[in-house]
């Protein structure tokens, strides 16, 4: 029996939550110094797979949802798609930029690997 789309999404979200919990646990370790914290923050925004890192991947997911909403929302009035497009932009512009600023403040040279 094949799983439904919603079941696949639920499973994927569960996997993503576990991965994020692991990152959160690593951030809480007593031996994380400022250079390592900066490197972790940079990893969230600079990873090459997918291009642009984790933050860009979340924004891309919201953009895909917005494009689908554009096709199916009642009256094509943007009530669903506009907030999704705006959320994608906010994640990229606001959250992404703030991660960059925080990483630079912690490790201005970006020397940590």
Protein backbone atom coordinates (compact mmCIF):
# COMPACT_ATOMS: atom_id res chain seq x y z
CA UNK A 1 0.00 0.00 0.00
CA UNK A 2 1.44 3.37 -0.96
CA UNK A 3 1.38 6.25 1.44
CA UNK A 4 -0.64 9.33 0.72
CA UNK A 5 0.96 12.65 -0.04
CA UNK A 6 0.00 14.01 3.38
CA UNK A 7 1.53 10.98 5.10
CA UNK A 8 4.77 11.54 3.18
CA UNK A 9 4.77 15.20 4.17
CA UNK A 10 4.16 14.30 7.83
CA UNK A 11 7.04 11.83 7.74
CA UNK A 12 9.34 14.37 6.09
CA UNK A 13 8.42 17.04 8.61
CA UNK A 14 9.18 14.56 11.39
CA UNK A 15 12.62 13.88 9.91
CA UNK A 16 13.30 17.60 9.57
CA UNK A 17 12.23 18.18 13.17
CA UNK A 18 14.62 15.47 14.37
CA UNK A 19 17.46 17.02 12.38
CA UNK A 20 16.70 20.47 13.78
CA UNK A 21 16.55 19.03 17.30
CA UNK A 22 20.03 17.56 16.77
CA UNK A 23 21.33 20.99 15.73
CA UNK A 24 19.65 22.57 18.75
CA UNK A 25 21.24 19.95 21.02
CA UNK A 26 24.65 20.67 19.47
CA UNK A 27 24.13 24.41 20.01
CA UNK A 28 23.45 23.74 23.69
CA UNK A 29 26.72 21.89 24.24
CA UNK A 30 28.92 23.47 26.90
CA UNK A 31 32.01 23.42 24.69
CA UNK A 32 30.59 25.43 21.75
CA UNK A 33 32.71 28.56 21.46
CA UNK A 34 31.99 31.70 19.45
CA UNK A 35 33.89 30.56 16.34
CA UNK A 36 32.07 27.22 16.26
CA UNK A 37 28.71 28.91 16.82
CA UNK A 38 29.48 31.26 13.92
CA UNK A 39 30.38 28.26 11.74
CA UNK A 40 27.11 26.54 12.62
CA UNK A 41 25.14 29.69 11.76
CA UNK A 42 26.99 29.99 8.48
CA UNK A 43 26.19 26.37 7.67
CA UNK A 44 22.49 27.23 7.89
CA UNK A 45 22.87 29.90 5.22
CA UNK A 46 25.89 28.89 3.14
CA UNK A 47 25.49 25.17 2.56
CA UNK A 48 25.87 24.31 -1.09
CA UNK A 49 23.27 21.54 -1.23
CA UNK A 50 20.64 22.92 -1.65
CA UNK A 51 22.10 26.16 -3.00
CA UNK A 52 21.83 28.85 -0.39
CA UNK A 53 21.57 26.60 2.63
CA UNK A 54 18.75 25.60 4.91
CA UNK A 55 17.14 29.04 5.15
CA UNK A 56 16.95 29.31 1.36
CA UNK A 57 15.45 25.82 1.17
CA UNK A 58 12.65 26.79 3.57
CA UNK A 59 11.99 29.94 1.54
CA UNK A 60 11.93 27.86 -1.66
CA UNK A 61 9.40 25.48 -0.09
CA UNK A 62 7.12 28.41 0.79
CA UNK A 63 7.49 29.83 -2.71
CA UNK A 64 6.45 26.48 -4.20
CA UNK A 65 3.38 26.49 -1.93
CA UNK A 66 2.61 30.06 -2.99
CA UNK A 67 2.80 29.17 -6.67
CA UNK A 68 0.42 26.27 -6.15
CA UNK A 69 -1.92 28.49 -4.12
CA UNK A 70 -1.96 30.97 -7.00
CA UNK A 71 -3.37 28.24 -9.21
CA UNK A 72 -6.05 26.95 -6.85
CA UNK A 73 -7.11 29.77 -4.52
CA UNK A 74 -10.70 30.94 -4.88
CA UNK A 75 -11.13 34.03 -7.06
CA UNK A 76 -7.35 34.15 -7.60
CA UNK A 77 -7.32 37.08 -5.18
CA UNK A 78 -3.97 36.35 -3.53
CA UNK A 79 -5.40 35.78 -0.08
CA UNK A 80 -3.36 32.57 0.24
CA UNK A 81 -0.47 33.10 -2.16
CA UNK A 82 0.56 36.60 -1.12
CA UNK A 83 1.23 35.72 2.54
CA UNK A 84 3.22 32.69 1.41
CA UNK A 85 5.34 34.76 -0.97
CA UNK A 86 5.84 37.36 1.77
CA UNK A 87 6.88 34.66 4.28
CA UNK A 88 9.49 33.37 1.82
CA UNK A 89 10.91 36.86 1.35
CA UNK A 90 10.93 37.54 5.10
CA UNK A 91 12.80 34.31 5.78
CA UNK A 92 15.41 35.07 3.14
CA UNK A 93 15.81 38.80 3.71
CA UNK A 94 15.27 39.05 7.45
CA UNK A 95 16.21 35.72 9.01
CA UNK A 96 18.98 34.95 6.54
CA UNK A 97 20.56 38.38 6.84
CA UNK A 98 20.39 38.29 10.62
CA UNK A 99 22.16 34.92 10.67
CA UNK A 100 24.92 36.44 8.56
CA UNK A 101 25.22 39.42 10.93
CA UNK A 102 25.32 37.18 14.00
CA UNK A 103 27.98 34.92 12.46
CA UNK A 104 30.10 37.94 11.51
CA UNK A 105 29.78 39.38 15.01
CA UNK A 106 30.93 36.11 16.55
CA UNK A 107 33.72 35.37 14.08
CA UNK A 108 34.40 38.38 11.80
CA UNK A 109 37.07 36.63 9.76
CA UNK A 110 35.01 33.48 9.24
CA UNK A 111 38.10 31.43 9.90
CA UNK A 112 36.37 28.57 11.66
CA UNK A 113 35.56 25.50 9.62
